[in-house]
Amino acid sequence: MKNMYAIKCLYQINIYNENEYKPINSIPIWEERIILSKASSMDDADAKSEKYAKDYEMEYYNTENQIVKLRLYTILDIFATLSIFA
């Protein structure tokens, strides 16, 4: 039987001008995200966590035509949750 696990992730967001390698924001922007995952054990959830967390990474242009890069910084925690979907 699979249980629900919460994967708590921290992402770093940097903004770049087009064709530049150095971020224009001197202080990075942070996003904390919790991903719910079904897994058979804590070890199984841990094994799946990095793939799920990396799937959320993205790069896009904002309204000012700057490049926004959202990258996984670290996985903060993984913990079991109570399943309300039984």
Protein backbone atom coordinates (compact mmCIF):
# COMPACT_ATOMS: atom_id res chain seq x y z
CA MET A 1 0.00 0.00 0.00
CA LYS A 2 1.29 3.45 -0.88
CA ASN A 3 1.27 6.32 1.58
CA MET A 4 1.39 10.05 0.97
CA TYR A 5 4.65 11.90 1.58
CA ALA A 6 5.36 15.62 1.48
CA ILE A 7 8.60 16.77 -0.14
CA LYS A 8 9.58 20.26 1.03
CA CYS A 9 11.81 22.00 -1.55
CA LEU A 10 13.61 25.33 -1.77
CA TYR A 11 14.08 26.97 -5.18
CA GLN A 12 16.29 29.90 -6.12
CA ILE A 13 15.04 32.41 -8.68
CA ASN A 14 17.45 34.64 -10.59
CA ILE A 15 16.69 37.23 -13.26
CA TYR A 16 19.03 37.92 -16.18
CA ASN A 17 19.12 40.42 -19.00
CA GLU A 18 19.20 38.79 -22.39
CA ASN A 19 22.69 37.52 -23.36
CA GLU A 20 24.16 38.11 -19.89
CA TYR A 21 25.51 35.45 -17.54
CA LYS A 22 25.38 37.41 -14.29
CA PRO A 23 22.00 37.80 -12.54
CA ILE A 24 20.67 41.34 -12.34
CA ASN A 25 19.01 40.72 -8.98
CA SER A 26 21.72 41.11 -6.34
CA ILE A 27 19.67 39.22 -3.76
CA PRO A 28 18.16 35.95 -5.00
CA ILE A 29 14.44 35.37 -4.73
CA TRP A 30 13.43 32.18 -2.93
CA GLU A 31 10.41 29.94 -3.37
CA GLU A 32 9.45 27.18 -0.98
CA ARG A 33 7.26 24.42 -2.41
CA ILE A 34 5.72 21.27 -1.02
CA ILE A 35 5.14 18.38 -3.42
CA LEU A 36 2.85 15.50 -2.46
CA SER A 37 3.93 12.06 -3.61
CA LYS A 38 2.64 8.52 -3.24
CA ALA A 39 5.35 6.11 -2.19
CA SER A 40 5.59 2.71 -0.52
CA SER A 41 8.11 3.87 2.10
CA MET A 42 10.19 6.84 3.24
CA ASP A 43 13.14 5.45 1.25
CA ASP A 44 10.96 5.23 -1.86
CA ALA A 45 9.78 8.82 -1.34
CA ASP A 46 13.39 9.92 -0.89
CA ALA A 47 14.39 8.19 -4.13
CA LYS A 48 11.58 9.95 -6.05
CA SER A 49 12.05 13.35 -4.42
CA GLU A 50 14.84 14.78 -6.59
CA LYS A 51 13.11 13.84 -9.85
CA TYR A 52 9.83 15.42 -8.73
CA ALA A 53 11.63 18.52 -7.46
CA LYS A 54 13.68 18.94 -10.67
CA ASP A 55 10.51 18.60 -12.80
CA TYR A 56 9.40 21.99 -11.44
CA GLU A 57 12.54 23.85 -12.59
CA MET A 58 11.85 26.33 -15.37
CA GLU A 59 13.17 29.17 -17.45
CA TYR A 60 11.00 31.83 -19.07
CA TYR A 61 10.85 35.48 -20.16
CA ASN A 62 9.03 37.91 -17.90
CA THR A 63 7.02 40.94 -19.05
CA GLU A 64 10.21 43.06 -19.17
CA ASN A 65 11.81 40.56 -21.56
CA GLN A 66 14.27 39.36 -18.92
CA ILE A 67 15.19 35.72 -18.46
CA VAL A 68 13.87 34.21 -15.22
CA LYS A 69 15.51 30.98 -14.06
CA LEU A 70 13.96 28.93 -11.28
CA ARG A 71 16.31 26.17 -10.07
CA LEU A 72 16.16 23.63 -7.26
CA TYR A 73 18.45 24.78 -4.44
CA THR A 74 17.87 21.96 -1.97
CA ILE A 75 15.33 19.50 -0.64
CA LEU A 76 14.63 20.64 2.90
CA ASP A 77 12.62 17.73 4.27
CA ILE A 78 10.51 14.69 3.46
CA PHE A 79 7.79 13.62 5.83
CA ALA A 80 4.83 11.26 5.95
CA THR A 81 1.35 12.82 5.81
CA LEU A 82 -2.05 11.58 6.85
CA SER A 83 -3.95 10.38 3.82
CA ILE A 84 -7.41 11.89 3.43
CA PHE A 85 -7.83 10.20 0.04
CA ALA A 86 -8.19 6.62 1.34
